[in-house]
Amino acid sequence: MGKQAKLYKKYTVKDGKLIKTVVFCSRCGDGYIMAEHEDRYYCGNCHFTKFKTVEKKS
């Protein structure tokens, strides 16, 4: 038997509402959670990569 996803850890309840703490793939739609890396998000289904924006110090 493989690993369990433990999806309950990817959501929080705030003021009686369910809040997602993950990013879903914009190409595949809801249900396809993107892997979070240090500088980007990555979808293992369609291989879409979304880079995080970094503020540069002046």
PDB file of N, CA and C in Angstrom:
ATOM      1  N   MET A   1       0.846  -1.178   0.000  1.00  0.00           N
ATOM      2  CA  MET A   1       0.000   0.000   0.000  1.00  0.00           C
ATOM      3  C   MET A   1       0.891   1.241   0.000  1.00  0.00           C
ATOM      4  N   GLY A   2       0.563   2.238  -0.823  1.00  0.00           N
ATOM      5  CA  GLY A   2       1.378   3.440  -0.977  1.00  0.00           C
ATOM      6  C   GLY A   2       1.160   4.459   0.128  1.00  0.00           C
ATOM      7  N   LYS A   3       1.806   5.569  -0.024  1.00  0.00           N
ATOM      8  CA  LYS A   3       1.673   6.656   0.946  1.00  0.00           C
ATOM      9  C   LYS A   3       0.275   7.266   0.880  1.00  0.00           C
ATOM     10  N   GLN A   4      -0.196   7.741   1.999  1.00  0.00           N
ATOM     11  CA  GLN A   4      -1.461   8.459   2.050  1.00  0.00           C
ATOM     12  C   GLN A   4      -1.177   9.945   1.878  1.00  0.00           C
ATOM     13  N   ALA A   5      -2.049  10.677   1.207  1.00  0.00           N
ATOM     14  CA  ALA A   5      -1.817  12.075   0.877  1.00  0.00           C
ATOM     15  C   ALA A   5      -1.957  13.003   2.080  1.00  0.00           C
ATOM     16  N   LYS A   6      -2.718  12.615   3.084  1.00  0.00           N
ATOM     17  CA  LYS A   6      -2.966  13.447   4.268  1.00  0.00           C
ATOM     18  C   LYS A   6      -3.492  14.821   3.851  1.00  0.00           C
ATOM     19  N   LEU A   7      -4.524  14.818   3.030  1.00  0.00           N
ATOM     20  CA  LEU A   7      -5.092  16.058   2.517  1.00  0.00           C
ATOM     21  C   LEU A   7      -5.675  16.939   3.609  1.00  0.00           C
ATOM     22  N   TYR A   8      -6.028  16.364   4.758  1.00  0.00           N
ATOM     23  CA  TYR A   8      -6.578  17.165   5.837  1.00  0.00           C
ATOM     24  C   TYR A   8      -5.573  18.196   6.346  1.00  0.00           C
ATOM     25  N   LYS A   9      -4.288  17.988   6.113  1.00  0.00           N
ATOM     26  CA  LYS A   9      -3.264  18.939   6.541  1.00  0.00           C
ATOM     27  C   LYS A   9      -3.161  20.131   5.598  1.00  0.00           C
ATOM     28  N   LYS A  10      -3.794  20.057   4.430  1.00  0.00           N
ATOM     29  CA  LYS A  10      -3.690  21.103   3.426  1.00  0.00           C
ATOM     30  C   LYS A  10      -4.827  22.115   3.507  1.00  0.00           C
ATOM     31  N   TYR A  11      -5.676  22.009   4.529  1.00  0.00           N
ATOM     32  CA  TYR A  11      -6.793  22.912   4.736  1.00  0.00           C
ATOM     33  C   TYR A  11      -6.831  23.350   6.188  1.00  0.00           C
ATOM     34  N   THR A  12      -7.365  24.552   6.432  1.00  0.00           N
ATOM     35  CA  THR A  12      -7.567  25.034   7.793  1.00  0.00           C
ATOM     36  C   THR A  12      -8.989  25.575   7.904  1.00  0.00           C
ATOM     37  N   VAL A  13      -9.480  25.680   9.133  1.00  0.00           N
ATOM     38  CA  VAL A  13     -10.804  26.241   9.382  1.00  0.00           C
ATOM     39  C   VAL A  13     -10.606  27.579  10.084  1.00  0.00           C
ATOM     40  N   LYS A  14     -11.166  28.638   9.501  1.00  0.00           N
ATOM     41  CA  LYS A  14     -11.051  29.977  10.074  1.00  0.00           C
ATOM     42  C   LYS A  14     -12.421  30.634  10.021  1.00  0.00           C
ATOM     43  N   ASP A  15     -12.910  31.067  11.154  1.00  0.00           N
ATOM     44  CA  ASP A  15     -14.221  31.697  11.271  1.00  0.00           C
ATOM     45  C   ASP A  15     -15.326  30.818  10.688  1.00  0.00           C
ATOM     46  N   GLY A  16     -15.215  29.515  10.878  1.00  0.00           N
ATOM     47  CA  GLY A  16     -16.230  28.594  10.407  1.00  0.00           C
ATOM     48  C   GLY A  16     -16.171  28.302   8.920  1.00  0.00           C
ATOM     49  N   LYS A  17     -15.129  28.755   8.233  1.00  0.00           N
ATOM     50  CA  LYS A  17     -14.993  28.520   6.791  1.00  0.00           C
ATOM     51  C   LYS A  17     -13.748  27.688   6.524  1.00  0.00           C
ATOM     52  N   LEU A  18     -13.828  26.850   5.510  1.00  0.00           N
ATOM     53  CA  LEU A  18     -12.713  26.001   5.119  1.00  0.00           C
ATOM     54  C   LEU A  18     -11.796  26.784   4.181  1.00  0.00           C
ATOM     55  N   ILE A  19     -10.530  26.907   4.534  1.00  0.00           N
ATOM     56  CA  ILE A  19      -9.548  27.672   3.772  1.00  0.00           C
ATOM     57  C   ILE A  19      -8.492  26.711   3.248  1.00  0.00           C
ATOM     58  N   LYS A  20      -8.218  26.750   1.934  1.00  0.00           N
ATOM     59  CA  LYS A  20      -7.166  25.901   1.369  1.00  0.00           C
ATOM     60  C   LYS A  20      -5.812  26.587   1.558  1.00  0.00           C
ATOM     61  N   THR A  21      -4.809  25.796   1.849  1.00  0.00           N
ATOM     62  CA  THR A  21      -3.456  26.321   2.032  1.00  0.00           C
ATOM     63  C   THR A  21      -2.535  25.819   0.933  1.00  0.00           C
ATOM     64  N   VAL A  22      -3.126  25.349  -0.163  1.00  0.00           N
ATOM     65  CA  VAL A  22      -2.356  24.827  -1.287  1.00  0.00           C
ATOM     66  C   VAL A  22      -2.734  25.586  -2.545  1.00  0.00           C
ATOM     67  N   VAL A  23      -1.939  25.411  -3.596  1.00  0.00           N
ATOM     68  CA  VAL A  23      -2.209  26.028  -4.885  1.00  0.00           C
ATOM     69  C   VAL A  23      -2.645  24.932  -5.847  1.00  0.00           C
ATOM     70  N   PHE A  24      -3.789  25.141  -6.497  1.00  0.00           N
ATOM     71  CA  PHE A  24      -4.265  24.193  -7.494  1.00  0.00           C
ATOM     72  C   PHE A  24      -3.750  24.610  -8.861  1.00  0.00           C
ATOM     73  N   CYS A  25      -3.578  23.650  -9.748  1.00  0.00           N
ATOM     74  CA  CYS A  25      -3.081  23.906 -11.093  1.00  0.00           C
ATOM     75  C   CYS A  25      -4.117  24.697 -11.888  1.00  0.00           C
ATOM     76  N   SER A  26      -3.676  25.763 -12.542  1.00  0.00           N
ATOM     77  CA  SER A  26      -4.591  26.589 -13.327  1.00  0.00           C
ATOM     78  C   SER A  26      -4.957  25.920 -14.651  1.00  0.00           C
ATOM     79  N   ARG A  27      -4.163  24.983 -15.116  1.00  0.00           N
ATOM     80  CA  ARG A  27      -4.475  24.260 -16.357  1.00  0.00           C
ATOM     81  C   ARG A  27      -5.385  23.061 -16.093  1.00  0.00           C
ATOM     82  N   CYS A  28      -5.071  22.281 -15.091  1.00  0.00           N
ATOM     83  CA  CYS A  28      -5.817  21.052 -14.811  1.00  0.00           C
ATOM     84  C   CYS A  28      -7.092  21.314 -14.015  1.00  0.00           C
ATOM     85  N   GLY A  29      -7.103  22.355 -13.206  1.00  0.00           N
ATOM     86  CA  GLY A  29      -8.292  22.704 -12.433  1.00  0.00           C
ATOM     87  C   GLY A  29      -8.201  22.244 -10.988  1.00  0.00           C
ATOM     88  N   ASP A  30      -9.321  22.453 -10.291  1.00  0.00           N
ATOM     89  CA  ASP A  30      -9.378  22.080  -8.882  1.00  0.00           C
ATOM     90  C   ASP A  30      -9.182  20.575  -8.733  1.00  0.00           C
ATOM     91  N   GLY A  31      -8.507  20.208  -7.678  1.00  0.00           N
ATOM     92  CA  GLY A  31      -8.235  18.801  -7.419  1.00  0.00           C
ATOM     93  C   GLY A  31      -6.819  18.391  -7.765  1.00  0.00           C
ATOM     94  N   TYR A  32      -6.143  19.188  -8.580  1.00  0.00           N
ATOM     95  CA  TYR A  32      -4.752  18.900  -8.931  1.00  0.00           C
ATOM     96  C   TYR A  32      -3.867  19.862  -8.153  1.00  0.00           C
ATOM     97  N   ILE A  33      -3.329  19.382  -7.063  1.00  0.00           N
ATOM     98  CA  ILE A  33      -2.520  20.205  -6.173  1.00  0.00           C
ATOM     99  C   ILE A  33      -1.104  20.286  -6.717  1.00  0.00           C
ATOM    100  N   MET A  34      -0.576  21.506  -6.748  1.00  0.00           N
ATOM    101  CA  MET A  34       0.776  21.723  -7.254  1.00  0.00           C
ATOM    102  C   MET A  34       1.785  21.521  -6.122  1.00  0.00           C
ATOM    103  N   ALA A  35       2.909  20.901  -6.443  1.00  0.00           N
ATOM    104  CA  ALA A  35       3.982  20.699  -5.475  1.00  0.00           C
ATOM    105  C   ALA A  35       4.647  22.044  -5.216  1.00  0.00           C
ATOM    106  N   GLU A  36       4.929  22.326  -3.954  1.00  0.00           N
ATOM    107  CA  GLU A  36       5.561  23.595  -3.601  1.00  0.00           C
ATOM    108  C   GLU A  36       7.050  23.396  -3.396  1.00  0.00           C
ATOM    109  N   HIS A  37       7.838  24.122  -4.173  1.00  0.00           N
ATOM    110  CA  HIS A  37       9.287  24.125  -4.040  1.00  0.00           C
ATOM    111  C   HIS A  37       9.716  25.500  -3.534  1.00  0.00           C
ATOM    112  N   GLU A  38      10.990  25.693  -3.337  1.00  0.00           N
ATOM    113  CA  GLU A  38      11.503  26.940  -2.774  1.00  0.00           C
ATOM    114  C   GLU A  38      11.169  28.145  -3.647  1.00  0.00           C
ATOM    115  N   ASP A  39      11.283  28.003  -4.969  1.00  0.00           N
ATOM    116  CA  ASP A  39      11.106  29.146  -5.864  1.00  0.00           C
ATOM    117  C   ASP A  39       9.964  28.981  -6.865  1.00  0.00           C
ATOM    118  N   ARG A  40       9.210  27.865  -6.778  1.00  0.00           N
ATOM    119  CA  ARG A  40       8.189  27.622  -7.797  1.00  0.00           C
ATOM    120  C   ARG A  40       7.150  26.618  -7.294  1.00  0.00           C
ATOM    121  N   TYR A  41       6.037  26.550  -8.032  1.00  0.00           N
ATOM    122  CA  TYR A  41       5.027  25.517  -7.860  1.00  0.00           C
ATOM    123  C   TYR A  41       5.064  24.653  -9.112  1.00  0.00           C
ATOM    124  N   TYR A  42       4.833  23.354  -8.976  1.00  0.00           N
ATOM    125  CA  TYR A  42       4.953  22.437 -10.107  1.00  0.00           C
ATOM    126  C   TYR A  42       3.796  21.449 -10.104  1.00  0.00           C
ATOM    127  N   CYS A  43       3.158  21.280 -11.267  1.00  0.00           N
ATOM    128  CA  CYS A  43       2.079  20.303 -11.425  1.00  0.00           C
ATOM    129  C   CYS A  43       2.670  19.024 -12.009  1.00  0.00           C
ATOM    130  N   GLY A  44       2.524  17.929 -11.313  1.00  0.00           N
ATOM    131  CA  GLY A  44       3.044  16.654 -11.782  1.00  0.00           C
ATOM    132  C   GLY A  44       2.193  16.032 -12.876  1.00  0.00           C
ATOM    133  N   ASN A  45       0.971  16.532 -13.051  1.00  0.00           N
ATOM    134  CA  ASN A  45       0.080  15.982 -14.075  1.00  0.00           C
ATOM    135  C   ASN A  45       0.404  16.546 -15.456  1.00  0.00           C
ATOM    136  N   CYS A  46       0.439  17.888 -15.590  1.00  0.00           N
ATOM    137  CA  CYS A  46       0.646  18.501 -16.910  1.00  0.00           C
ATOM    138  C   CYS A  46       2.017  19.178 -17.016  1.00  0.00           C
ATOM    139  N   HIS A  47       2.818  19.137 -15.956  1.00  0.00           N
ATOM    140  CA  HIS A  47       4.179  19.688 -15.915  1.00  0.00           C
ATOM    141  C   HIS A  47       4.209  21.213 -16.012  1.00  0.00           C
ATOM    142  N   PHE A  48       3.121  21.874 -15.625  1.00  0.00           N
ATOM    143  CA  PHE A  48       3.062  23.334 -15.600  1.00  0.00           C
ATOM    144  C   PHE A  48       3.855  23.836 -14.404  1.00  0.00           C
ATOM    145  N   THR A  49       4.666  24.866 -14.619  1.00  0.00           N
ATOM    146  CA  THR A  49       5.474  25.455 -13.558  1.00  0.00           C
ATOM    147  C   THR A  49       5.071  26.907 -13.372  1.00  0.00           C
ATOM    148  N   LYS A  50       4.813  27.289 -12.133  1.00  0.00           N
ATOM    149  CA  LYS A  50       4.454  28.662 -11.790  1.00  0.00           C
ATOM    150  C   LYS A  50       5.505  29.161 -10.809  1.00  0.00           C
ATOM    151  N   PHE A  51       6.251  30.197 -11.209  1.00  0.00           N
ATOM    152  CA  PHE A  51       7.328  30.702 -10.372  1.00  0.00           C
ATOM    153  C   PHE A  51       6.797  31.672  -9.329  1.00  0.00           C
ATOM    154  N   LYS A  52       7.383  31.623  -8.144  1.00  0.00           N
ATOM    155  CA  LYS A  52       7.025  32.551  -7.078  1.00  0.00           C
ATOM    156  C   LYS A  52       7.695  33.887  -7.348  1.00  0.00           C
ATOM    157  N   THR A  53       7.030  34.960  -6.998  1.00  0.00           N
ATOM    158  CA  THR A  53       7.628  36.282  -7.180  1.00  0.00           C
ATOM    159  C   THR A  53       8.444  36.627  -5.941  1.00  0.00           C
ATOM    160  N   VAL A  54       9.596  37.231  -6.181  1.00  0.00           N
ATOM    161  CA  VAL A  54      10.496  37.593  -5.098  1.00  0.00           C
ATOM    162  C   VAL A  54      10.720  39.091  -5.161  1.00  0.00           C
ATOM    163  N   GLU A  55      10.509  39.752  -4.007  1.00  0.00           N
ATOM    164  CA  GLU A  55      10.756  41.181  -3.964  1.00  0.00           C
ATOM    165  C   GLU A  55      12.246  41.433  -3.821  1.00  0.00           C
ATOM    166  N   LYS A  56      12.771  42.320  -4.662  1.00  0.00           N
ATOM    167  CA  LYS A  56      14.191  42.645  -4.602  1.00  0.00           C
ATOM    168  C   LYS A  56      14.413  43.789  -3.634  1.00  0.00           C
ATOM    169  N   LYS A  57      15.461  43.679  -2.834  1.00  0.00           N
ATOM    170  CA  LYS A  57      15.803  44.737  -1.886  1.00  0.00           C
ATOM    171  C   LYS A  57      16.572  45.832  -2.601  1.00  0.00           C
ATOM    172  N   SER A  58      16.229  47.061  -2.293  1.00  0.00           N
ATOM    173  CA  SER A  58      16.909  48.191  -2.938  1.00  0.00           C
ATOM    174  C   SER A  58      18.124  48.618  -2.171  1.00  0.00           C
TER     175      SER A  58
END
